[in-house]
Amino acid sequence: MSKVAFITGGTRGIGLGIAKPLAQKGFDLALNGMRDKDSVLPVLEELEKYGIQAEYFQGNIGSKEDRSRILEGILEKFGKINVLVNNAGVAPKVRADILDVVEEDFDYVIDTNMKGTFFLSQAVAKSMIKSKEKNPEDFFTIITITSISAVLASTNRVAYCMSKSGLSMMNQTFAVRLAEYDIPVFEVRPGIIETDMTAGVKEKYEAQIANGLTLEPRMGKPEDIGKTVAALAEGTLTYGTGQIITLDGGMTVGRL
């Protein structure tokens, strides 16, 4: 029986970097994003070259109605979700100093990154429990993509940092709650990854990296994250639920 992976924000950036190795490993893919379906058809066609089914479910995970519609659509199409990859996230519309952040922008980030992800995970976890009870030998897992911003403060991105820190605790709590069902939960914490989200500050990061910000002298690539997520999705990491896997090129390694 085929395995199904649901990746939020799965048609670009880190999400697409995760989708490709999962497709290579034979996972059918449910991909979510905000763009219209026509604009992501080339992505779906590329992924289906690996002999899997790739379906797109458009919607905003920060919306209760959209979350419900997306989940219903996935379960109607595939019947189950083996792997949830919480990847979708937004940056603040304005990189304002912590003393100047406005409530509307704060809500925009928190509603998508943390609130939406939490309630989506809650709903998917319930569906996984039901599926696990029917098929005890089937493997299910939740993997949340956070950021080193969960532990490194940025005074001009406070809502983003808070959202990632909140997701880290969310992941720990789901690990505790789902352990009795043998559903492992993992956090993957990327460092500076070369995507459209970091394109505007790429030169700044590259200069910092050249001056020793990271031990590995480059920005990360989406495929760096994808390789690890694919391994977790296959159940490669055993006896490790609740673990945080940091992929930041050694950026957060303490040095004297």
Protein backbone atom coordinates (compact mmCIF):
# COMPACT_ATOMS: atom_id res chain seq x y z
CA MET A 1 0.00 0.00 0.00
CA SER A 2 1.37 3.41 -0.96
CA LYS A 3 2.58 5.93 1.62
CA VAL A 4 1.20 9.47 1.60
CA ALA A 5 3.06 12.61 2.65
CA PHE A 6 1.31 15.94 3.17
CA ILE A 7 3.67 18.90 2.85
CA THR A 8 2.45 22.41 3.61
CA GLY A 9 4.16 25.00 1.46
CA GLY A 10 5.33 22.08 -0.64
CA THR A 11 5.66 23.56 -4.12
CA ARG A 12 8.63 25.88 -3.67
CA GLY A 13 11.71 26.50 -1.55
CA ILE A 14 12.34 24.10 1.33
CA GLY A 15 8.96 22.43 0.76
CA LEU A 16 9.87 21.44 -2.79
CA GLY A 17 13.31 20.40 -1.58
CA ILE A 18 11.47 17.96 0.71
CA ALA A 19 8.94 16.83 -1.90
CA LYS A 20 11.54 15.65 -4.41
CA PRO A 21 13.33 13.02 -2.27
CA LEU A 22 9.98 11.82 -0.92
CA ALA A 23 8.77 11.32 -4.49
CA GLN A 24 11.98 9.47 -5.29
CA LYS A 25 11.28 7.16 -2.36
CA GLY A 26 7.79 6.38 -3.65
CA PHE A 27 5.61 8.60 -1.47
CA ASP A 28 2.40 9.92 -2.99
CA LEU A 29 2.31 13.65 -2.29
CA ALA A 30 -0.37 16.05 -1.10
CA LEU A 31 1.06 19.53 -1.53
CA ASN A 32 -0.39 22.71 -0.14
CA GLY A 33 0.24 26.35 -0.99
CA MET A 34 -1.37 29.68 -1.70
CA ARG A 35 -0.79 29.88 -5.45
CA ASP A 36 -3.46 28.84 -7.96
CA LYS A 37 -3.20 25.31 -9.32
CA ASP A 38 -2.23 26.34 -12.85
CA SER A 39 0.95 27.95 -11.57
CA VAL A 40 2.08 24.75 -9.82
CA LEU A 41 1.23 22.27 -12.59
CA PRO A 42 4.86 22.12 -13.79
CA VAL A 43 5.92 21.17 -10.26
CA LEU A 44 3.31 18.40 -10.07
CA GLU A 45 4.33 17.07 -13.48
CA GLU A 46 7.99 17.04 -12.48
CA LEU A 47 7.26 15.09 -9.30
CA GLU A 48 5.01 12.58 -11.04
CA LYS A 49 7.91 11.57 -13.28
CA TYR A 50 9.00 9.47 -10.32
CA GLY A 51 5.89 7.33 -10.76
CA ILE A 52 3.89 8.73 -7.85
CA GLN A 53 0.68 10.73 -7.51
CA ALA A 54 1.11 14.42 -6.70
CA GLU A 55 -1.98 16.48 -5.91
CA TYR A 56 -2.25 20.16 -5.03
CA PHE A 57 -4.60 21.48 -2.35
CA GLN A 58 -4.69 25.27 -2.44
CA GLY A 59 -5.47 27.18 0.71
CA ASN A 60 -4.26 29.15 3.71
CA ILE A 61 -3.46 26.97 6.72
CA GLY A 62 -4.07 30.04 8.88
CA SER A 63 -7.76 29.78 7.97
CA LYS A 64 -9.97 27.31 9.87
CA GLU A 65 -12.20 26.84 6.84
CA ASP A 66 -9.27 26.25 4.49
CA ARG A 67 -7.63 23.76 6.86
CA SER A 68 -10.83 21.74 7.05
CA ARG A 69 -11.31 21.79 3.28
CA ILE A 70 -7.69 20.81 2.59
CA LEU A 71 -7.72 17.90 5.02
CA GLU A 72 -11.05 16.60 3.75
CA GLY A 73 -9.72 16.76 0.19
CA ILE A 74 -6.55 14.86 1.01
CA LEU A 75 -8.36 12.10 2.91
CA GLU A 76 -10.94 11.79 0.13
CA LYS A 77 -8.18 11.46 -2.46
CA PHE A 78 -5.65 9.30 -0.62
CA GLY A 79 -7.54 7.85 2.35
CA LYS A 80 -4.80 8.58 4.88
CA ILE A 81 -1.77 10.72 5.72
CA ASN A 82 1.35 8.82 6.78
CA VAL A 83 3.61 11.83 7.06
CA LEU A 84 2.74 15.42 7.88
CA VAL A 85 5.50 17.90 7.09
CA ASN A 86 4.70 21.27 8.64
CA ASN A 87 6.73 23.53 6.40
CA ALA A 88 4.52 26.47 5.42
CA GLY A 89 5.44 29.76 6.99
CA VAL A 90 5.54 33.48 6.33
CA ALA A 91 7.98 36.22 7.20
CA PRO A 92 6.78 39.57 8.56
CA LYS A 93 5.59 41.94 5.86
CA VAL A 94 7.79 44.63 7.41
CA ARG A 95 11.07 43.89 9.21
CA ALA A 96 10.25 46.30 12.01
CA ASP A 97 12.21 46.77 15.20
CA ILE A 98 10.64 45.03 18.21
CA LEU A 99 9.62 48.45 19.56
CA ASP A 100 7.77 49.28 16.34
CA VAL A 101 5.95 46.03 15.47
CA VAL A 102 2.27 46.59 14.70
CA GLU A 103 -0.42 44.17 15.81
CA GLU A 104 -1.69 43.40 12.31
CA ASP A 105 1.71 42.19 11.14
CA PHE A 106 2.24 40.21 14.35
CA ASP A 107 -1.12 38.45 13.86
CA TYR A 108 -0.29 37.71 10.21
CA VAL A 109 2.85 35.79 11.18
CA ILE A 110 1.50 34.04 14.27
CA ASP A 111 -1.80 33.02 12.66
CA THR A 112 -0.03 31.19 9.84
CA ASN A 113 3.19 29.97 11.36
CA MET A 114 2.01 28.89 14.80
CA LYS A 115 -1.77 28.89 15.21
CA GLY A 116 -2.52 27.44 11.79
CA THR A 117 0.22 24.84 12.07
CA PHE A 118 -0.95 23.78 15.52
CA PHE A 119 -4.57 23.22 14.59
CA LEU A 120 -3.62 21.50 11.35
CA SER A 121 -1.31 19.17 13.27
CA GLN A 122 -4.07 18.48 15.78
CA ALA A 123 -6.50 17.48 13.04
CA VAL A 124 -3.96 15.36 11.17
CA ALA A 125 -2.86 13.66 14.40
CA LYS A 126 -6.44 12.56 15.03
CA SER A 127 -6.66 11.10 11.53
CA MET A 128 -3.31 9.32 12.05
CA ILE A 129 -4.56 7.74 15.27
CA LYS A 130 -7.62 6.37 13.48
CA SER A 131 -5.48 5.03 10.64
CA LYS A 132 -2.99 3.50 13.07
CA GLU A 133 -5.77 1.68 14.90
CA LYS A 134 -6.94 0.16 11.61
CA ASN A 135 -3.41 -0.65 10.37
CA PRO A 136 -1.05 -1.01 13.38
CA GLU A 137 1.94 -1.92 11.19
CA ASP A 138 1.66 1.24 9.09
CA PHE A 139 4.13 4.05 9.89
CA PHE A 140 2.98 7.58 10.74
CA THR A 141 4.98 10.62 11.77
CA ILE A 142 4.77 14.40 12.14
CA ILE A 143 7.79 16.48 11.14
CA THR A 144 7.84 20.22 11.75
CA ILE A 145 10.28 22.54 10.02
CA THR A 146 11.20 25.34 12.40
CA SER A 147 14.32 27.53 12.23
CA ILE A 148 17.37 28.53 14.21
CA SER A 149 15.23 31.60 14.86
CA ALA A 150 13.59 29.43 17.52
CA VAL A 151 16.68 30.05 19.65
CA LEU A 152 18.46 33.02 18.05
CA ALA A 153 16.81 36.40 18.62
CA SER A 154 16.34 38.87 15.76
CA THR A 155 15.09 42.23 16.98
CA ASN A 156 13.52 43.02 13.60
CA ARG A 157 11.71 39.65 13.26
CA VAL A 158 10.32 39.05 16.74
CA ALA A 159 7.00 37.52 15.63
CA TYR A 160 8.80 35.10 13.34
CA CYS A 161 11.19 34.05 16.12
CA MET A 162 8.31 33.63 18.57
CA SER A 163 6.37 31.52 16.07
CA LYS A 164 9.29 29.16 15.54
CA SER A 165 9.98 28.89 19.26
CA GLY A 166 6.31 28.11 19.81
CA LEU A 167 6.39 25.40 17.16
CA SER A 168 9.35 23.81 18.91
CA MET A 169 7.31 23.41 22.09
CA MET A 170 4.31 22.27 20.06
CA ASN A 171 6.44 19.51 18.62
CA GLN A 172 7.65 18.41 22.05
CA THR A 173 4.09 18.26 23.34
CA PHE A 174 2.82 16.25 20.38
CA ALA A 175 5.74 13.85 20.88
CA VAL A 176 4.54 13.24 24.43
CA ARG A 177 0.88 12.89 23.48
CA LEU A 178 1.34 10.62 20.45
CA ALA A 179 3.91 8.28 21.99
CA GLU A 180 1.21 5.87 23.16
CA TYR A 181 0.16 5.42 19.53
CA ASP A 182 3.73 4.82 18.33
CA ILE A 183 3.65 7.97 16.20
CA PRO A 184 7.05 9.68 16.42
CA VAL A 185 7.32 13.45 16.17
CA PHE A 186 10.40 15.35 15.03
CA GLU A 187 11.60 18.92 14.63
CA VAL A 188 14.00 19.88 11.84
CA ARG A 189 15.64 23.22 12.53
CA PRO A 190 17.26 24.76 9.43
CA GLY A 191 19.80 27.56 9.47
CA ILE A 192 20.23 30.04 6.64
CA ILE A 193 18.75 28.37 3.57
CA GLU A 194 18.87 29.77 0.05
CA THR A 195 15.20 30.29 -0.88
CA ASP A 196 12.95 33.08 -2.12
CA MET A 197 12.35 34.05 1.52
CA THR A 198 16.06 34.84 2.01
CA ALA A 199 16.70 36.23 -1.48
CA GLY A 200 16.42 39.84 -0.33
CA VAL A 201 19.14 39.43 2.30
CA LYS A 202 21.33 36.90 0.48
CA GLU A 203 24.29 39.26 0.08
CA LYS A 204 24.20 40.11 3.79
CA TYR A 205 24.20 36.45 4.78
CA GLU A 206 26.93 35.54 2.32
CA ALA A 207 29.15 38.27 3.75
CA GLN A 208 28.53 37.00 7.28
CA ILE A 209 29.26 33.43 6.23
CA ALA A 210 32.50 34.56 4.59
CA ASN A 211 33.45 36.03 7.97
CA GLY A 212 32.89 32.73 9.79
CA LEU A 213 29.21 32.76 10.75
CA THR A 214 28.90 29.06 9.87
CA LEU A 215 31.42 26.23 10.08
CA GLU A 216 30.47 25.03 6.60
CA PRO A 217 31.17 28.07 4.41
CA ARG A 218 27.93 28.27 2.43
CA MET A 219 24.22 28.88 2.69
CA GLY A 220 22.14 25.75 3.02
CA LYS A 221 20.10 24.38 0.13
CA PRO A 222 16.50 23.08 0.23
CA GLU A 223 17.81 19.63 -0.65
CA ASP A 224 19.89 19.63 2.54
CA ILE A 225 16.64 19.71 4.49
CA GLY A 226 14.88 17.32 2.12
CA LYS A 227 17.40 14.50 2.63
CA THR A 228 16.88 14.52 6.39
CA VAL A 229 13.10 14.76 6.21
CA ALA A 230 12.97 11.87 3.75
CA ALA A 231 14.98 9.72 6.15
CA LEU A 232 12.64 10.60 9.02
CA ALA A 233 9.59 9.89 6.86
CA GLU A 234 10.84 6.36 6.23
CA GLY A 235 11.29 5.69 9.94
CA THR A 236 15.08 5.66 9.76
CA LEU A 237 15.50 7.40 13.11
CA THR A 238 14.21 4.96 15.71
CA TYR A 239 13.98 5.50 19.47
CA GLY A 240 14.21 9.24 18.91
CA THR A 241 10.77 10.80 19.07
CA GLY A 242 10.79 14.44 20.14
CA GLN A 243 14.31 15.06 18.86
CA ILE A 244 15.44 18.33 17.31
CA ILE A 245 17.69 17.94 14.27
CA THR A 246 19.58 21.15 13.55
CA LEU A 247 20.83 21.67 9.99
CA ASP A 248 22.64 25.01 10.10
CA GLY A 249 26.13 24.31 8.82
CA GLY A 250 27.44 24.47 12.38
CA MET A 251 26.19 28.00 12.95
CA THR A 252 24.95 27.35 16.48
CA VAL A 253 27.95 25.30 17.62
CA GLY A 254 29.48 27.06 20.61
CA ARG A 255 33.01 28.32 20.02
CA LEU A 256 35.68 29.99 22.12
